[in-house]
Protein backbone atom coordinates (compact mmCIF):
# COMPACT_ATOMS: atom_id res chain seq x y z
CA UNK A 1 0.00 0.00 0.00
CA UNK A 2 2.88 2.34 0.77
CA UNK A 3 4.34 1.72 -2.70
CA UNK A 4 0.96 2.32 -4.31
CA UNK A 5 0.68 5.69 -2.59
CA UNK A 6 4.18 6.58 -3.78
CA UNK A 7 3.24 5.50 -7.31
CA UNK A 8 0.36 7.97 -7.33
CA UNK A 9 2.64 10.75 -6.08
CA UNK A 10 5.12 9.93 -8.84
CA UNK A 11 2.36 9.88 -11.47
CA UNK A 12 1.14 13.31 -10.37
CA UNK A 13 4.69 14.66 -10.52
CA UNK A 14 5.36 13.24 -13.98
CA UNK A 15 1.96 14.34 -15.32
CA UNK A 16 2.93 17.97 -14.83
CA UNK A 17 6.11 17.60 -16.88
CA UNK A 18 6.81 17.54 -20.61
CA UNK A 19 7.41 14.05 -22.04
CA UNK A 20 11.18 14.06 -22.53
CA UNK A 21 12.06 15.79 -19.24
CA UNK A 22 9.75 13.35 -17.42
CA UNK A 23 11.42 10.33 -19.04
CA UNK A 24 14.89 11.69 -18.33
CA UNK A 25 13.94 12.43 -14.70
CA UNK A 26 12.53 8.95 -14.19
CA UNK A 27 15.46 7.17 -15.84
CA UNK A 28 17.94 9.22 -13.82
CA UNK A 29 16.21 8.26 -10.57
CA UNK A 30 15.87 4.59 -11.56
CA UNK A 31 19.59 4.31 -12.29
CA UNK A 32 20.29 4.87 -8.59
CA UNK A 33 18.28 1.81 -7.47
CA UNK A 34 18.28 -1.91 -8.26
CA UNK A 35 14.60 -2.71 -7.64
CA UNK A 36 11.25 -0.96 -7.84
CA UNK A 37 10.85 -1.36 -4.09
CA UNK A 38 14.21 0.31 -3.49
CA UNK A 39 13.21 3.10 -5.88
CA UNK A 40 9.97 3.81 -4.05
CA UNK A 41 11.66 3.66 -0.67
CA UNK A 42 14.25 6.16 -1.91
CA UNK A 43 11.43 8.66 -2.45
CA UNK A 44 11.09 8.87 1.32
CA UNK A 45 14.66 10.09 1.73
CA UNK A 46 14.45 12.91 -0.80
């Protein structure tokens, strides 16, 4: 459930961005983590 809530936050953030900057932002953040769970948990720290 915690990951689902974070997914919605991420979707809202990306929705407000242009396509390419949103993709670049997401890829940049995903490069720092090995799993989806780790990615969503990293959102807490930022």
